[in-house]
Amino acid sequence: MGTIIVDIVELNFLQQVLNGLASQAATSSRIDTAKLAVAGHSRGGKLAALQLAGSYVSPPPMAAYLVDPIDNTMFSPEGSTYPSVAKALAAAVPLRKAGISGAGISSSCNPAGTNYPRFYDALATGSWLTVLPQSTHVAFTSSLAGLLGFCGFGRTSSSETIAITAAAMTGWMQSNVRGTAVPAQLTSYLNSKVQAGTITFAVKP
């Protein structure tokens, strides 16, 4: 196995990528870093949330969507190299808001106490939470089939989990990056999933 890059190092990569794009004639005039948005699944969701909460990139992201994010676990215990995102979000001024999709089935892949509720509790009013009660942590990806048994089993397929998450993420980014209304087609689709019991949806009061 290769070496895992710790959070505090990986958090610097985004600024390096943006600097690289800004230094290239072919891309420098085509990017608008004032409209930066981040998203990620699992530990990637944690890194996206830390980018949203912290000062790792300038200007900071204006939006984030977290896909079944995971905070510190036994494999990445809280410390100087693995900061707690829940603490970072709670300390952010002003509090940040984000969209989240969470798996209703927890396992050693997304242990209770480290998974999406920990993030949602630290977010600001207006944050979205879409929970898929019969989705597992790996249902949000089509590339981790080997972990299906390890991460549990649910009735909602990976393809449906991904489609629902893509719709919710698109709606969140449309509203928070472009500043426009969520398309009626997306709203109708997500409402149909709520009515079918495939998801629950909440906006943080």
C-alpha atoms as a PDB file:
ATOM      1  CA  MET A   1       0.000   0.000   0.000  1.00  0.00           C
ATOM      2  CA  GLY A   2       1.105   3.537  -0.630  1.00  0.00           C
ATOM      3  CA  THR A   3       1.578   6.149   2.058  1.00  0.00           C
ATOM      4  CA  ILE A   4      -1.582   7.956   3.129  1.00  0.00           C
ATOM      5  CA  ILE A   5      -1.196  11.719   2.855  1.00  0.00           C
ATOM      6  CA  VAL A   6      -2.353  13.294   6.109  1.00  0.00           C
ATOM      7  CA  ASP A   7      -5.127  15.882   6.145  1.00  0.00           C
ATOM      8  CA  ILE A   8      -2.992  18.874   7.045  1.00  0.00           C
ATOM      9  CA  VAL A   9      -0.755  18.268   4.011  1.00  0.00           C
ATOM     10  CA  GLU A  10      -3.525  17.431   1.566  1.00  0.00           C
ATOM     11  CA  LEU A  11      -5.438  20.581   2.512  1.00  0.00           C
ATOM     12  CA  ASN A  12      -2.704  22.643   0.828  1.00  0.00           C
ATOM     13  CA  PHE A  13      -3.130  20.934  -2.526  1.00  0.00           C
ATOM     14  CA  LEU A  14      -6.174  22.947  -3.604  1.00  0.00           C
ATOM     15  CA  GLN A  15      -4.359  26.273  -3.372  1.00  0.00           C
ATOM     16  CA  GLN A  16      -1.457  24.780  -5.316  1.00  0.00           C
ATOM     17  CA  VAL A  17      -3.834  23.647  -8.063  1.00  0.00           C
ATOM     18  CA  LEU A  18      -5.455  27.090  -8.225  1.00  0.00           C
ATOM     19  CA  ASN A  19      -2.056  28.773  -8.355  1.00  0.00           C
ATOM     20  CA  GLY A  20      -1.055  26.472 -11.190  1.00  0.00           C
ATOM     21  CA  LEU A  21      -4.201  27.246 -13.161  1.00  0.00           C
ATOM     22  CA  ALA A  22      -3.732  30.976 -12.601  1.00  0.00           C
ATOM     23  CA  SER A  23      -0.165  30.795 -13.902  1.00  0.00           C
ATOM     24  CA  GLN A  24      -1.141  29.177 -17.213  1.00  0.00           C
ATOM     25  CA  ALA A  25      -2.158  31.425 -20.088  1.00  0.00           C
ATOM     26  CA  ALA A  26      -4.660  28.849 -21.333  1.00  0.00           C
ATOM     27  CA  THR A  27      -6.580  28.792 -18.041  1.00  0.00           C
ATOM     28  CA  SER A  28      -5.831  31.988 -16.123  1.00  0.00           C
ATOM     29  CA  SER A  29      -8.568  34.014 -17.816  1.00  0.00           C
ATOM     30  CA  ARG A  30     -11.121  31.196 -17.748  1.00  0.00           C
ATOM     31  CA  ILE A  31     -11.391  30.506 -14.030  1.00  0.00           C
ATOM     32  CA  ASP A  32     -13.191  32.529 -11.377  1.00  0.00           C
ATOM     33  CA  THR A  33     -11.819  31.590  -7.967  1.00  0.00           C
ATOM     34  CA  ALA A  34     -14.398  33.844  -6.329  1.00  0.00           C
ATOM     35  CA  LYS A  35     -16.922  31.149  -7.230  1.00  0.00           C
ATOM     36  CA  LEU A  36     -15.013  28.198  -5.861  1.00  0.00           C
ATOM     37  CA  ALA A  37     -17.042  25.209  -4.663  1.00  0.00           C
ATOM     38  CA  VAL A  38     -15.824  21.953  -3.148  1.00  0.00           C
ATOM     39  CA  ALA A  39     -17.312  18.505  -2.672  1.00  0.00           C
ATOM     40  CA  GLY A  40     -16.163  15.075  -1.608  1.00  0.00           C
ATOM     41  CA  HIS A  41     -17.123  11.623  -0.391  1.00  0.00           C
ATOM     42  CA  SER A  42     -15.991   9.990   2.862  1.00  0.00           C
ATOM     43  CA  ARG A  43     -12.636  11.511   3.863  1.00  0.00           C
ATOM     44  CA  GLY A  44     -12.968  13.713   0.791  1.00  0.00           C
ATOM     45  CA  GLY A  45     -16.094  15.135   2.403  1.00  0.00           C
ATOM     46  CA  LYS A  46     -14.087  15.900   5.515  1.00  0.00           C
ATOM     47  CA  LEU A  47     -11.419  17.685   3.470  1.00  0.00           C
ATOM     48  CA  ALA A  48     -14.092  19.695   1.640  1.00  0.00           C
ATOM     49  CA  ALA A  49     -15.614  20.718   4.977  1.00  0.00           C
ATOM     50  CA  LEU A  50     -12.214  21.731   6.348  1.00  0.00           C
ATOM     51  CA  GLN A  51     -11.636  23.851   3.237  1.00  0.00           C
ATOM     52  CA  LEU A  52     -15.011  25.485   3.825  1.00  0.00           C
ATOM     53  CA  ALA A  53     -14.290  26.132   7.504  1.00  0.00           C
ATOM     54  CA  GLY A  54     -10.644  27.117   7.366  1.00  0.00           C
ATOM     55  CA  SER A  55      -8.175  29.421   5.681  1.00  0.00           C
ATOM     56  CA  TYR A  56      -6.428  26.923   3.453  1.00  0.00           C
ATOM     57  CA  VAL A  57      -7.363  28.612   0.184  1.00  0.00           C
ATOM     58  CA  SER A  58      -7.934  32.242  -0.798  1.00  0.00           C
ATOM     59  CA  PRO A  59     -10.620  33.229  -1.437  1.00  0.00           C
ATOM     60  CA  PRO A  60     -12.357  30.493   0.572  1.00  0.00           C
ATOM     61  CA  PRO A  61     -14.945  28.244  -1.091  1.00  0.00           C
ATOM     62  CA  MET A  62     -18.391  29.760  -1.302  1.00  0.00           C
ATOM     63  CA  ALA A  63     -20.144  26.391  -1.260  1.00  0.00           C
ATOM     64  CA  ALA A  64     -19.534  22.788  -0.249  1.00  0.00           C
ATOM     65  CA  TYR A  65     -21.396  19.508  -0.617  1.00  0.00           C
ATOM     66  CA  LEU A  66     -20.421  16.606   1.619  1.00  0.00           C
ATOM     67  CA  VAL A  67     -21.189  13.033   0.592  1.00  0.00           C
ATOM     68  CA  ASP A  68     -21.421  10.729   3.627  1.00  0.00           C
ATOM     69  CA  PRO A  69     -18.455  12.540   5.191  1.00  0.00           C
ATOM     70  CA  ILE A  70     -16.311  10.982   7.922  1.00  0.00           C
ATOM     71  CA  ASP A  71     -14.467  12.881  10.666  1.00  0.00           C
ATOM     72  CA  ASN A  72     -11.697  11.444  12.843  1.00  0.00           C
ATOM     73  CA  THR A  73     -11.725   7.667  13.323  1.00  0.00           C
ATOM     74  CA  MET A  74      -9.387   5.079  14.824  1.00  0.00           C
ATOM     75  CA  PHE A  75      -7.497   5.173  11.522  1.00  0.00           C
ATOM     76  CA  SER A  76      -7.100   8.967  11.589  1.00  0.00           C
ATOM     77  CA  PRO A  77      -7.291  10.052  15.243  1.00  0.00           C
ATOM     78  CA  GLU A  78      -7.642  13.725  16.038  1.00  0.00           C
ATOM     79  CA  GLY A  79      -4.324  15.536  16.290  1.00  0.00           C
ATOM     80  CA  SER A  80      -2.112  18.076  14.569  1.00  0.00           C
ATOM     81  CA  THR A  81      -2.113  16.137  11.296  1.00  0.00           C
ATOM     82  CA  TYR A  82      -5.786  15.126  11.415  1.00  0.00           C
ATOM     83  CA  PRO A  83      -7.807  18.103  12.685  1.00  0.00           C
ATOM     84  CA  SER A  84     -11.407  17.617  13.761  1.00  0.00           C
ATOM     85  CA  VAL A  85     -13.764  19.055  11.176  1.00  0.00           C
ATOM     86  CA  ALA A  86     -16.607  19.262  13.699  1.00  0.00           C
ATOM     87  CA  LYS A  87     -14.490  21.552  15.858  1.00  0.00           C
ATOM     88  CA  ALA A  88     -13.334  23.569  12.844  1.00  0.00           C
ATOM     89  CA  LEU A  89     -16.902  24.104  11.639  1.00  0.00           C
ATOM     90  CA  ALA A  90     -18.122  25.010  15.122  1.00  0.00           C
ATOM     91  CA  ALA A  91     -15.324  27.591  15.453  1.00  0.00           C
ATOM     92  CA  ALA A  92     -15.888  29.195  12.040  1.00  0.00           C
ATOM     93  CA  VAL A  93     -17.098  32.809  12.071  1.00  0.00           C
ATOM     94  CA  PRO A  94     -19.633  33.118  10.683  1.00  0.00           C
ATOM     95  CA  LEU A  95     -20.877  29.537  10.870  1.00  0.00           C
ATOM     96  CA  ARG A  96     -20.750  27.845   7.474  1.00  0.00           C
ATOM     97  CA  LYS A  97     -23.599  26.137   5.698  1.00  0.00           C
ATOM     98  CA  ALA A  98     -23.296  23.148   3.402  1.00  0.00           C
ATOM     99  CA  GLY A  99     -25.287  20.425   1.738  1.00  0.00           C
ATOM    100  CA  ILE A 100     -24.944  16.841   2.946  1.00  0.00           C
ATOM    101  CA  SER A 101     -26.024  13.437   1.691  1.00  0.00           C
ATOM    102  CA  GLY A 102     -25.730  10.758   4.361  1.00  0.00           C
ATOM    103  CA  ALA A 103     -25.984   6.977   4.425  1.00  0.00           C
ATOM    104  CA  GLY A 104     -28.641   5.645   6.755  1.00  0.00           C
ATOM    105  CA  ILE A 105     -26.666   2.435   7.253  1.00  0.00           C
ATOM    106  CA  SER A 106     -23.524   2.893   9.322  1.00  0.00           C
ATOM    107  CA  SER A 107     -20.671   0.413   9.617  1.00  0.00           C
ATOM    108  CA  SER A 108     -16.959   0.374  10.283  1.00  0.00           C
ATOM    109  CA  CYS A 109     -16.680   2.342   7.025  1.00  0.00           C
ATOM    110  CA  ASN A 110     -18.722   5.251   8.430  1.00  0.00           C
ATOM    111  CA  PRO A 111     -18.876   4.698  12.187  1.00  0.00           C
ATOM    112  CA  ALA A 112     -21.676   6.297  14.160  1.00  0.00           C
ATOM    113  CA  GLY A 113     -20.337   9.341  15.972  1.00  0.00           C
ATOM    114  CA  THR A 114     -17.921  10.204  13.176  1.00  0.00           C
ATOM    115  CA  ASN A 115     -20.334  10.332  10.251  1.00  0.00           C
ATOM    116  CA  TYR A 116     -22.723  12.877   8.744  1.00  0.00           C
ATOM    117  CA  PRO A 117     -24.666  13.946  11.915  1.00  0.00           C
ATOM    118  CA  ARG A 118     -21.393  15.208  13.404  1.00  0.00           C
ATOM    119  CA  PHE A 119     -21.007  17.558  10.433  1.00  0.00           C
ATOM    120  CA  TYR A 120     -24.648  18.640  10.222  1.00  0.00           C
ATOM    121  CA  ASP A 121     -24.759  19.539  13.914  1.00  0.00           C
ATOM    122  CA  ALA A 122     -21.896  22.015  13.394  1.00  0.00           C
ATOM    123  CA  LEU A 123     -23.335  23.718  10.301  1.00  0.00           C
ATOM    124  CA  ALA A 124     -25.326  26.924  10.035  1.00  0.00           C
ATOM    125  CA  THR A 125     -29.020  27.473   9.500  1.00  0.00           C
ATOM    126  CA  GLY A 126     -30.043  26.797   5.912  1.00  0.00           C
ATOM    127  CA  SER A 127     -27.855  23.721   5.463  1.00  0.00           C
ATOM    128  CA  TRP A 128     -29.411  20.787   3.614  1.00  0.00           C
ATOM    129  CA  LEU A 129     -29.486  17.206   4.812  1.00  0.00           C
ATOM    130  CA  THR A 130     -30.544  14.361   2.536  1.00  0.00           C
ATOM    131  CA  VAL A 131     -30.473  10.963   4.250  1.00  0.00           C
ATOM    132  CA  LEU A 132     -30.795   7.734   2.302  1.00  0.00           C
ATOM    133  CA  PRO A 133     -32.002   5.230   4.938  1.00  0.00           C
ATOM    134  CA  GLN A 134     -31.204   2.142   2.851  1.00  0.00           C
ATOM    135  CA  SER A 135     -27.876   3.290   1.404  1.00  0.00           C
ATOM    136  CA  THR A 136     -24.451   2.259   2.672  1.00  0.00           C
ATOM    137  CA  HIS A 137     -21.227   4.239   2.675  1.00  0.00           C
ATOM    138  CA  VAL A 138     -20.015   2.654  -0.564  1.00  0.00           C
ATOM    139  CA  ALA A 139     -23.360   2.984  -2.353  1.00  0.00           C
ATOM    140  CA  PHE A 140     -22.328   6.547  -3.215  1.00  0.00           C
ATOM    141  CA  THR A 141     -19.618   5.218  -5.535  1.00  0.00           C
ATOM    142  CA  SER A 142     -19.544   2.636  -8.293  1.00  0.00           C
ATOM    143  CA  SER A 143     -15.851   1.818  -7.875  1.00  0.00           C
ATOM    144  CA  LEU A 144     -15.709   0.143  -4.449  1.00  0.00           C
ATOM    145  CA  ALA A 145     -17.727  -3.015  -5.057  1.00  0.00           C
ATOM    146  CA  GLY A 146     -15.164  -5.069  -3.144  1.00  0.00           C
ATOM    147  CA  LEU A 147     -16.134  -3.289   0.067  1.00  0.00           C
ATOM    148  CA  LEU A 148     -19.865  -3.971  -0.196  1.00  0.00           C
ATOM    149  CA  GLY A 149     -19.893  -6.678   2.468  1.00  0.00           C
ATOM    150  CA  PHE A 150     -17.461  -4.818   4.701  1.00  0.00           C
ATOM    151  CA  CYS A 151     -19.562  -1.647   4.652  1.00  0.00           C
ATOM    152  CA  GLY A 152     -22.982  -3.270   5.019  1.00  0.00           C
ATOM    153  CA  PHE A 153     -25.926  -3.935   2.750  1.00  0.00           C
ATOM    154  CA  GLY A 154     -28.903  -1.746   1.863  1.00  0.00           C
ATOM    155  CA  ARG A 155     -31.898  -1.893  -0.443  1.00  0.00           C
ATOM    156  CA  THR A 156     -31.090   1.314  -2.333  1.00  0.00           C
ATOM    157  CA  SER A 157     -28.781   0.531  -5.241  1.00  0.00           C
ATOM    158  CA  SER A 158     -25.562   2.342  -5.959  1.00  0.00           C
ATOM    159  CA  SER A 159     -26.964   3.748  -9.205  1.00  0.00           C
ATOM    160  CA  GLU A 160     -30.007   5.215  -7.443  1.00  0.00           C
ATOM    161  CA  THR A 161     -27.913   6.512  -4.548  1.00  0.00           C
ATOM    162  CA  ILE A 162     -25.583   8.279  -6.975  1.00  0.00           C
ATOM    163  CA  ALA A 163     -28.459   9.737  -9.013  1.00  0.00           C
ATOM    164  CA  ILE A 164     -30.183  11.113  -5.914  1.00  0.00           C
ATOM    165  CA  THR A 165     -26.953  12.588  -4.584  1.00  0.00           C
ATOM    166  CA  ALA A 166     -26.129  14.170  -7.940  1.00  0.00           C
ATOM    167  CA  ALA A 167     -29.556  15.809  -8.018  1.00  0.00           C
ATOM    168  CA  ALA A 168     -29.267  17.161  -4.480  1.00  0.00           C
ATOM    169  CA  MET A 169     -25.709  18.374  -5.066  1.00  0.00           C
ATOM    170  CA  THR A 170     -26.693  20.086  -8.314  1.00  0.00           C
ATOM    171  CA  GLY A 171     -29.560  21.849  -6.566  1.00  0.00           C
ATOM    172  CA  TRP A 172     -27.318  22.990  -3.732  1.00  0.00           C
ATOM    173  CA  MET A 173     -24.643  24.331  -6.061  1.00  0.00           C
ATOM    174  CA  GLN A 174     -27.224  25.995  -8.302  1.00  0.00           C
ATOM    175  CA  SER A 175     -28.613  27.862  -5.317  1.00  0.00           C
ATOM    176  CA  ASN A 176     -25.379  28.677  -3.500  1.00  0.00           C
ATOM    177  CA  VAL A 177     -22.917  29.272  -6.327  1.00  0.00           C
ATOM    178  CA  ARG A 178     -25.093  30.657  -9.098  1.00  0.00           C
ATOM    179  CA  GLY A 179     -27.610  32.190  -6.716  1.00  0.00           C
ATOM    180  CA  THR A 180     -30.561  30.947  -8.727  1.00  0.00           C
ATOM    181  CA  ALA A 181     -33.576  28.854  -7.828  1.00  0.00           C
ATOM    182  CA  VAL A 182     -33.293  25.091  -7.746  1.00  0.00           C
ATOM    183  CA  PRO A 183     -34.648  23.812 -11.092  1.00  0.00           C
ATOM    184  CA  ALA A 184     -38.217  22.554 -10.839  1.00  0.00           C
ATOM    185  CA  GLN A 185     -37.220  19.234 -12.403  1.00  0.00           C
ATOM    186  CA  LEU A 186     -34.740  18.552  -9.590  1.00  0.00           C
ATOM    187  CA  THR A 187     -37.234  19.575  -6.919  1.00  0.00           C
ATOM    188  CA  SER A 188     -39.865  17.286  -8.411  1.00  0.00           C
ATOM    189  CA  TYR A 189     -37.421  14.383  -8.608  1.00  0.00           C
ATOM    190  CA  LEU A 190     -36.271  14.734  -5.004  1.00  0.00           C
ATOM    191  CA  ASN A 191     -39.849  15.164  -3.771  1.00  0.00           C
ATOM    192  CA  SER A 192     -40.767  11.903  -5.492  1.00  0.00           C
ATOM    193  CA  LYS A 193     -37.959  10.155  -3.606  1.00  0.00           C
ATOM    194  CA  VAL A 194     -39.192  11.607  -0.317  1.00  0.00           C
ATOM    195  CA  GLN A 195     -42.718  10.384  -1.046  1.00  0.00           C
ATOM    196  CA  ALA A 196     -41.383   6.930  -1.918  1.00  0.00           C
ATOM    197  CA  GLY A 197     -39.480   6.760   1.379  1.00  0.00           C
ATOM    198  CA  THR A 198     -36.141   6.478  -0.406  1.00  0.00           C
ATOM    199  CA  ILE A 199     -34.823   9.652   1.230  1.00  0.00           C
ATOM    200  CA  THR A 200     -35.569  12.106   3.966  1.00  0.00           C
ATOM    201  CA  PHE A 201     -34.802  15.760   3.376  1.00  0.00           C
ATOM    202  CA  ALA A 202     -34.385  18.617   5.835  1.00  0.00           C
ATOM    203  CA  VAL A 203     -33.259  22.226   5.830  1.00  0.00           C
ATOM    204  CA  LYS A 204     -31.586  23.161   9.105  1.00  0.00           C
ATOM    205  CA  PRO A 205     -33.745  25.647  11.016  1.00  0.00           C
END
